[in-house]
Amino acid sequence: MATAKEEKQFAKEREKALRERRKAYKAAKKAGTLDERQLAPEHLAYLRRRAIVSKVWPIFRFMILFGLCFVILYPLIYMFSTAFRPNVQMNDPSIIWLPKSFTLSNMMDVWDVMDFPKALGTTLKINLVCSLLSVVTCALTGYGLARFNFKGKGICFAIVIMQIIVPPQITVIPLYLQWAFFRAGGLVNLLHAAGVKEIFGKTIKEMTDAAGAGTGKWFVSLIDVPVVMYAPALFANGIKSGLFIFIFRQFFRGLPIELEDAAYLDGCGPFKTFIRIMVPNAASSFLTVFLFAIVWYWNDYYISSTFFNNNNTVSLALQKLSGDLDNRLFSGTQVGTRKKIVWLESGCLLTIAPILVMYIFLQKYFTEGLARSGLTGM
């Protein structure tokens, strides 16, 4: 009886012989000298299976991809179909996808109801600043975790993982109390003693009255002040910052250590090495994280609605669109969603349009950065 080693060797020889026969078959078929009577039965069976698979698999693959694409794109197709449709055609059973006529009045109404130019300006001001701060600080943090050894490194990385795992609903109340009663270690007392009249566009009196200055403790309320979004991003604790740090850490870990060694021999310190060596090599990861940050800050309404009462962003305007439509278009009468669906879909389309345009132009670099960012392994 053959041993396991002999059986393995026999299997290798058999596979090698089959490969040689396949090569000879392809060469003979290409030269026009093929005689199938000379082929072994197992080789003929293999060729028949390959021929069947080569014809069936493209059809099967197309059906899978078409089904997945339809499931993913269905909301977007329905949005386009409804947003440019007159409201009277929503109850027409003969119309399914293509309306009988197109109109821009829905978009114009929503543009005015949402006060879109102002909301867009506010969103861009918060979005771009927070995204840029997140990219810079998360890149530095990820580089430090990837390349340097220090006490507590494992604990720091565990905190980063906790940032990814812990939902924001758990930390939002402590954060709200921190910003609503902000003291900053006596900084407010110092500013008050120095006679400073205004901070962050609001007077000391307005901010301290809102925070309860009658208690005799000087602190300010930073609610409705953009710094509540800027400060977490500056300290690598903004929206999805844990994921951004993880992306940079994985990418920097994959770079050869010889790049840094060569830079150190040339007299570069850690920071100079990061700027001159690591940043150019990580351009795709920087773009990936920047696009992620833009999208998540753009879509955020939970944190924005918690820290802002009067600051109108695009996501908050969309969240309040149904009630605003009742007040502005229906004279304060509360109507069902079906009657105002064309305006709601127009608002959704107007909200995602800038992100869609950005992705269309940057999708190539985004896909490349996602593939090289290290998300697929540790």
Protein backbone atom coordinates (compact mmCIF):
# COMPACT_ATOMS: atom_id res chain seq x y z
CA MET A 1 0.00 0.00 0.00
CA ALA A 2 1.36 3.40 -1.01
CA THR A 3 2.33 5.83 1.72
CA ALA A 4 0.92 9.33 2.03
CA LYS A 5 4.14 10.76 0.60
CA GLU A 6 3.96 8.47 -2.45
CA GLU A 7 0.27 9.34 -3.01
CA LYS A 8 1.11 13.04 -2.85
CA GLN A 9 3.95 12.57 -5.34
CA PHE A 10 1.68 10.58 -7.64
CA ALA A 11 -0.97 13.34 -7.51
CA LYS A 12 1.65 15.95 -8.42
CA GLU A 13 2.87 13.89 -11.38
CA ARG A 14 -0.71 13.33 -12.57
CA GLU A 15 -1.48 17.06 -12.36
CA LYS A 16 1.73 17.84 -14.23
CA ALA A 17 0.81 15.39 -16.98
CA LEU A 18 -2.66 16.94 -17.28
CA ARG A 19 -1.15 20.43 -17.59
CA GLU A 20 1.16 19.23 -20.34
CA ARG A 21 -1.80 17.67 -22.18
CA ARG A 22 -3.78 20.90 -21.88
CA LYS A 23 -0.88 22.86 -23.32
CA ALA A 24 -0.53 20.37 -26.16
CA TYR A 25 -4.31 20.53 -26.76
CA LYS A 26 -4.26 24.35 -26.98
CA ALA A 27 -1.22 24.34 -29.26
CA ALA A 28 -2.76 21.73 -31.57
CA LYS A 29 -6.10 23.53 -31.65
CA LYS A 30 -4.38 26.80 -32.50
CA ALA A 31 -2.33 25.13 -35.26
CA GLY A 32 -5.39 23.30 -36.67
CA THR A 33 -3.87 19.81 -36.19
CA LEU A 34 -6.09 18.68 -33.30
CA ASP A 35 -7.25 15.06 -33.28
CA GLU A 36 -9.57 14.44 -30.33
CA ARG A 37 -9.20 10.65 -30.72
CA GLN A 38 -5.66 10.96 -29.34
CA LEU A 39 -6.82 12.59 -26.09
CA ALA A 40 -7.28 10.70 -22.83
CA PRO A 41 -10.89 10.20 -21.61
CA GLU A 42 -10.30 12.23 -18.43
CA HIS A 43 -8.84 15.05 -20.52
CA LEU A 44 -11.88 15.07 -22.81
CA ALA A 45 -14.20 15.17 -19.78
CA TYR A 46 -12.23 18.08 -18.33
CA LEU A 47 -12.42 19.98 -21.62
CA ARG A 48 -16.18 19.44 -21.84
CA ARG A 49 -16.64 20.75 -18.28
CA ARG A 50 -14.52 23.78 -19.06
CA ALA A 51 -16.54 24.50 -22.21
CA ILE A 52 -19.84 24.31 -20.29
CA VAL A 53 -18.54 26.52 -17.45
CA SER A 54 -17.11 29.09 -19.86
CA LYS A 55 -20.54 29.49 -21.48
CA VAL A 56 -22.73 29.40 -18.35
CA TRP A 57 -20.59 31.44 -15.94
CA PRO A 58 -20.80 34.81 -17.82
CA ILE A 59 -24.61 34.60 -17.82
CA PHE A 60 -24.73 33.64 -14.15
CA ARG A 61 -22.28 36.41 -13.26
CA PHE A 62 -24.31 39.00 -15.19
CA MET A 63 -27.50 38.00 -13.36
CA ILE A 64 -25.84 38.30 -9.96
CA LEU A 65 -24.29 41.69 -10.73
CA PHE A 66 -27.48 43.01 -12.32
CA GLY A 67 -29.54 41.97 -9.29
CA LEU A 68 -27.10 43.53 -6.83
CA CYS A 69 -26.87 46.74 -8.84
CA PHE A 70 -30.65 47.04 -9.02
CA VAL A 71 -31.04 46.54 -5.27
CA ILE A 72 -28.37 49.18 -4.57
CA LEU A 73 -29.48 51.68 -7.22
CA TYR A 74 -33.24 51.30 -6.81
CA PRO A 75 -33.57 54.12 -4.22
CA LEU A 76 -31.53 56.45 -6.42
CA ILE A 77 -33.52 55.57 -9.56
CA TYR A 78 -36.80 56.12 -7.69
CA MET A 79 -35.47 59.44 -6.37
CA PHE A 80 -34.66 60.72 -9.86
CA SER A 81 -38.00 59.46 -11.20
CA THR A 82 -39.98 61.21 -8.47
CA ALA A 83 -38.02 64.44 -7.95
CA PHE A 84 -38.74 65.79 -11.44
CA ARG A 85 -42.34 64.57 -11.63
CA PRO A 86 -45.35 66.89 -11.15
CA ASN A 87 -47.21 66.06 -7.96
CA VAL A 88 -50.47 65.31 -9.80
CA GLN A 89 -48.78 62.42 -11.64
CA MET A 90 -47.98 60.56 -8.42
CA ASN A 91 -51.52 59.13 -8.39
CA ASP A 92 -51.47 58.17 -12.07
CA PRO A 93 -51.32 54.32 -12.26
CA SER A 94 -50.07 54.45 -15.85
CA ILE A 95 -46.78 56.06 -14.71
CA ILE A 96 -44.21 53.77 -13.14
CA TRP A 97 -40.70 55.09 -13.85
CA LEU A 98 -40.81 57.75 -16.56
CA PRO A 99 -43.19 60.68 -15.93
CA LYS A 100 -45.25 62.11 -18.76
CA SER A 101 -43.66 65.52 -18.21
CA PHE A 102 -40.74 66.90 -16.23
CA THR A 103 -40.70 69.90 -13.93
CA LEU A 104 -38.13 71.84 -11.90
CA SER A 105 -40.71 73.48 -9.64
CA ASN A 106 -40.20 70.79 -6.97
CA MET A 107 -36.49 71.60 -6.80
CA MET A 108 -37.15 75.34 -6.68
CA ASP A 109 -39.67 74.94 -3.85
CA VAL A 110 -37.30 72.78 -1.82
CA TRP A 111 -34.41 75.17 -2.54
CA ASP A 112 -36.40 77.97 -0.88
CA VAL A 113 -37.88 75.89 1.97
CA MET A 114 -34.50 74.47 3.00
CA ASP A 115 -32.75 77.83 2.47
CA PHE A 116 -30.20 75.69 0.65
CA PRO A 117 -27.50 78.32 -0.11
CA LYS A 118 -27.18 79.22 3.58
CA ALA A 119 -27.33 75.59 4.69
CA LEU A 120 -24.72 74.64 2.08
CA GLY A 121 -22.37 77.41 3.19
CA THR A 122 -22.67 76.41 6.86
CA THR A 123 -22.11 72.74 6.01
CA LEU A 124 -19.04 73.46 3.89
CA LYS A 125 -17.54 75.66 6.59
CA ILE A 126 -17.88 72.93 9.21
CA ASN A 127 -17.27 70.02 6.85
CA LEU A 128 -14.05 71.14 5.19
CA VAL A 129 -12.39 72.39 8.38
CA CYS A 130 -13.27 69.25 10.36
CA SER A 131 -12.26 66.95 7.51
CA LEU A 132 -8.86 68.60 7.05
CA LEU A 133 -8.19 68.58 10.79
CA SER A 134 -9.20 64.92 11.03
CA VAL A 135 -6.92 63.92 8.16
CA VAL A 136 -3.88 65.67 9.63
CA THR A 137 -4.29 64.59 13.26
CA CYS A 138 -5.37 61.03 12.44
CA ALA A 139 -2.41 60.62 10.08
CA LEU A 140 0.03 61.72 12.81
CA THR A 141 -1.65 59.44 15.34
CA GLY A 142 -1.69 56.47 12.96
CA TYR A 143 1.99 57.02 12.10
CA GLY A 144 2.93 57.10 15.77
CA LEU A 145 1.06 53.88 16.51
CA ALA A 146 2.56 52.16 13.46
CA ARG A 147 6.22 53.13 13.77
CA PHE A 148 7.10 54.01 17.37
CA ASN A 149 7.30 51.89 20.51
CA PHE A 150 6.38 53.56 23.80
CA LYS A 151 4.80 52.66 27.11
CA GLY A 152 1.05 52.38 26.88
CA LYS A 153 1.02 51.89 23.11
CA GLY A 154 -1.29 48.89 23.42
CA ILE A 155 -3.67 50.88 25.63
CA CYS A 156 -3.71 53.76 23.15
CA PHE A 157 -4.54 51.41 20.30
CA ALA A 158 -7.26 49.79 22.42
CA ILE A 159 -8.78 53.25 22.89
CA VAL A 160 -8.71 53.71 19.12
CA ILE A 161 -10.57 50.42 18.67
CA MET A 162 -13.07 51.54 21.31
CA GLN A 163 -13.67 54.68 19.26
CA ILE A 164 -14.74 52.43 16.40
CA ILE A 165 -16.85 50.07 18.51
CA VAL A 166 -18.59 52.44 20.94
CA PRO A 167 -21.58 54.22 19.33
CA PRO A 168 -21.73 58.03 19.67
CA GLN A 169 -25.04 57.82 21.55
CA ILE A 170 -23.13 56.61 24.63
CA THR A 171 -20.71 59.57 24.77
CA VAL A 172 -22.97 62.37 23.55
CA ILE A 173 -24.38 63.30 26.99
CA PRO A 174 -20.97 63.79 28.68
CA LEU A 175 -19.80 65.75 25.64
CA TYR A 176 -22.89 67.94 25.74
CA LEU A 177 -22.34 68.73 29.43
CA GLN A 178 -18.68 69.47 28.73
CA TRP A 179 -19.49 72.03 26.04
CA ALA A 180 -22.56 73.48 27.76
CA PHE A 181 -20.59 74.21 30.97
CA PHE A 182 -17.12 74.84 29.60
CA ARG A 183 -14.52 76.16 32.05
CA ALA A 184 -11.17 75.01 30.56
CA GLY A 185 -9.25 75.07 33.82
CA GLY A 186 -9.92 78.70 34.74
CA LEU A 187 -9.50 80.08 31.22
CA VAL A 188 -12.93 81.70 31.37
CA ASN A 189 -12.07 83.37 34.68
CA LEU A 190 -8.86 84.69 33.15
CA LEU A 191 -10.65 86.07 30.09
CA HIS A 192 -13.34 87.64 32.25
CA ALA A 193 -10.73 89.27 34.50
CA ALA A 194 -8.90 90.57 31.43
CA GLY A 195 -12.05 92.32 30.26
CA VAL A 196 -12.61 90.22 27.14
CA LYS A 197 -16.07 91.06 25.80
CA GLU A 198 -16.55 88.44 23.08
CA ILE A 199 -15.51 84.82 22.45
CA PHE A 200 -16.33 82.77 19.35
CA GLY A 201 -18.69 85.42 18.02
CA LYS A 202 -20.77 85.57 21.24
CA THR A 203 -20.44 88.00 24.12
CA ILE A 204 -19.32 86.80 27.52
CA LYS A 205 -22.68 87.84 28.98
CA GLU A 206 -24.65 85.80 26.42
CA MET A 207 -22.52 82.73 26.96
CA THR A 208 -22.38 82.89 30.76
CA ASP A 209 -26.09 83.67 31.07
CA ALA A 210 -26.84 80.60 28.98
CA ALA A 211 -24.60 78.50 31.21
CA GLY A 212 -25.93 79.86 34.50
CA ALA A 213 -23.53 82.53 35.68
CA GLY A 214 -25.79 83.21 38.64
CA THR A 215 -24.14 80.35 40.49
CA GLY A 216 -21.00 82.45 40.94
CA LYS A 217 -18.88 80.07 38.84
CA TRP A 218 -17.72 81.53 35.58
CA PHE A 219 -18.09 79.16 32.66
CA VAL A 220 -19.36 79.55 29.12
CA SER A 221 -21.78 77.62 26.95
CA LEU A 222 -20.29 76.63 23.61
CA ILE A 223 -23.53 75.20 22.28
CA ASP A 224 -24.23 76.65 18.81
CA VAL A 225 -20.51 77.46 18.42
CA PRO A 226 -18.59 75.63 15.63
CA VAL A 227 -15.69 74.93 18.00
CA VAL A 228 -17.68 71.95 19.36
CA MET A 229 -17.02 70.28 16.00
CA TYR A 230 -13.53 71.67 15.38
CA ALA A 231 -11.97 70.75 18.75
CA PRO A 232 -12.68 66.97 18.62
CA ALA A 233 -11.37 66.83 15.05
CA LEU A 234 -8.24 68.70 16.12
CA PHE A 235 -7.53 66.10 18.81
CA ALA A 236 -8.30 63.04 16.62
CA ASN A 237 -11.64 62.46 18.32
CA GLY A 238 -14.05 63.60 15.64
CA ILE A 239 -16.64 61.62 13.71
CA LYS A 240 -15.17 58.18 12.77
CA SER A 241 -11.67 59.29 13.80
CA GLY A 242 -10.97 55.84 15.22
CA LEU A 243 -11.47 54.29 11.79
CA PHE A 244 -9.28 56.95 10.17
CA ILE A 245 -6.46 56.27 12.63
CA PHE A 246 -6.78 52.54 11.95
CA ILE A 247 -6.57 53.11 8.17
CA PHE A 248 -3.39 55.19 8.50
CA ARG A 249 -1.85 52.76 10.96
CA GLN A 250 -2.40 49.83 8.63
CA PHE A 251 -0.97 51.70 5.67
CA PHE A 252 2.16 52.95 7.47
CA ARG A 253 2.81 49.48 8.86
CA GLY A 254 2.94 48.16 5.30
CA LEU A 255 5.66 50.59 4.17
CA PRO A 256 9.28 49.32 4.22
CA ILE A 257 11.23 50.34 7.32
CA GLU A 258 14.23 51.00 5.04
CA LEU A 259 12.60 54.25 3.88
CA GLU A 260 12.80 55.69 7.39
CA ASP A 261 16.28 54.29 7.99
CA ALA A 262 17.53 56.03 4.87
CA ALA A 263 15.88 59.29 5.95
CA TYR A 264 17.45 59.07 9.43
CA LEU A 265 20.89 58.51 7.86
CA ASP A 266 20.35 61.67 5.82
CA GLY A 267 19.74 63.64 9.01
CA CYS A 268 15.92 63.74 9.06
CA GLY A 269 14.11 63.61 12.36
CA PRO A 270 10.81 61.75 12.90
CA PHE A 271 8.61 64.71 11.95
CA LYS A 272 10.67 65.61 8.89
CA THR A 273 10.66 61.96 7.83
CA PHE A 274 6.88 61.91 8.14
CA ILE A 275 6.47 65.04 6.01
CA ARG A 276 9.01 64.22 3.29
CA ILE A 277 8.85 60.42 3.08
CA MET A 278 5.60 59.12 4.51
CA VAL A 279 3.11 61.73 3.33
CA PRO A 280 4.03 61.45 -0.40
CA ASN A 281 3.82 57.65 -0.22
CA ALA A 282 0.47 57.79 1.58
CA ALA A 283 -1.24 60.19 -0.84
CA SER A 284 -3.91 57.63 -1.75
CA SER A 285 -4.70 56.95 1.92
CA PHE A 286 -4.94 60.68 2.61
CA LEU A 287 -7.47 61.04 -0.21
CA THR A 288 -9.46 58.03 0.99
CA VAL A 289 -9.70 59.33 4.56
CA PHE A 290 -10.52 62.84 3.34
CA LEU A 291 -13.41 61.55 1.21
CA PHE A 292 -14.67 59.39 4.08
CA ALA A 293 -14.54 62.40 6.41
CA ILE A 294 -16.35 64.64 3.90
CA VAL A 295 -19.16 62.11 3.49
CA TRP A 296 -19.62 61.37 7.20
CA TYR A 297 -19.54 65.01 8.27
CA TRP A 298 -21.90 65.85 5.41
CA ASN A 299 -24.43 63.18 6.43
CA ASP A 300 -24.19 63.76 10.17
CA TYR A 301 -27.30 65.11 11.83
CA TYR A 302 -27.23 63.34 15.21
CA ILE A 303 -24.21 65.16 16.63
CA SER A 304 -25.09 68.38 14.79
CA SER A 305 -28.63 68.41 16.18
CA THR A 306 -27.22 67.79 19.68
CA PHE A 307 -24.72 70.66 19.71
CA PHE A 308 -26.51 73.14 17.43
CA ASN A 309 -29.90 74.69 18.06
CA ASN A 310 -29.80 77.47 15.47
CA ASN A 311 -27.03 76.36 13.13
CA ASN A 312 -28.66 75.05 9.95
CA THR A 313 -26.67 72.42 8.03
CA VAL A 314 -27.79 70.45 4.97
CA SER A 315 -28.51 67.29 6.95
CA LEU A 316 -30.48 69.19 9.60
CA ALA A 317 -32.43 71.06 6.90
CA LEU A 318 -33.32 67.72 5.30
CA GLN A 319 -34.35 66.29 8.67
CA LYS A 320 -36.74 69.23 9.20
CA LEU A 321 -37.94 69.33 5.59
CA SER A 322 -41.25 67.51 6.19
CA GLY A 323 -42.37 69.95 8.88
CA ASP A 324 -41.13 72.97 6.92
CA LEU A 325 -43.11 71.81 3.88
CA ASP A 326 -46.26 71.62 6.02
CA ASN A 327 -45.71 75.19 7.21
CA ARG A 328 -44.58 76.76 3.95
CA LEU A 329 -46.48 74.93 1.20
CA PHE A 330 -49.57 73.62 2.99
CA SER A 331 -50.38 76.62 5.25
CA GLY A 332 -49.52 74.82 8.47
CA THR A 333 -51.69 71.79 7.71
CA GLN A 334 -50.07 68.46 8.45
CA VAL A 335 -50.35 66.26 5.37
CA GLY A 336 -49.29 62.70 4.68
CA THR A 337 -45.97 61.71 3.21
CA ARG A 338 -47.61 60.50 -0.01
CA LYS A 339 -48.89 64.01 -0.81
CA LYS A 340 -45.47 65.64 -0.45
CA ILE A 341 -43.24 62.78 -1.64
CA VAL A 342 -42.07 64.71 -4.73
CA TRP A 343 -40.68 67.51 -2.54
CA LEU A 344 -39.11 65.08 -0.07
CA GLU A 345 -37.35 63.20 -2.87
CA SER A 346 -36.23 66.50 -4.38
CA GLY A 347 -34.72 67.46 -1.03
CA CYS A 348 -32.89 64.14 -0.82
CA LEU A 349 -31.55 64.53 -4.35
CA LEU A 350 -30.48 68.11 -3.67
CA THR A 351 -28.69 67.00 -0.52
CA ILE A 352 -26.67 64.17 -2.08
CA ALA A 353 -25.93 65.95 -5.38
CA PRO A 354 -22.60 67.54 -4.23
CA ILE A 355 -21.39 64.19 -2.85
CA LEU A 356 -22.35 62.38 -6.06
CA VAL A 357 -20.50 64.92 -8.19
CA MET A 358 -17.41 64.67 -5.98
CA TYR A 359 -17.43 60.87 -6.15
CA ILE A 360 -17.86 60.81 -9.93
CA PHE A 361 -14.66 62.81 -10.40
CA LEU A 362 -12.63 61.12 -7.64
CA GLN A 363 -13.84 57.51 -7.75
CA LYS A 364 -10.65 56.25 -9.43
CA TYR A 365 -8.40 57.65 -6.69
CA PHE A 366 -10.86 56.65 -3.98
CA THR A 367 -10.89 53.01 -5.11
CA GLU A 368 -7.12 52.92 -5.39
CA GLY A 369 -6.68 54.40 -1.92
CA LEU A 370 -9.18 51.97 -0.44
CA ALA A 371 -7.29 49.04 -1.94
CA ARG A 372 -3.94 50.25 -0.61
CA SER A 373 -5.07 51.55 2.78
CA GLY A 374 -4.72 48.23 4.64
CA LEU A 375 -8.39 47.72 5.48
CA THR A 376 -8.19 44.07 4.44
CA GLY A 377 -5.65 42.93 7.01
CA MET A 378 -3.87 43.60 10.25
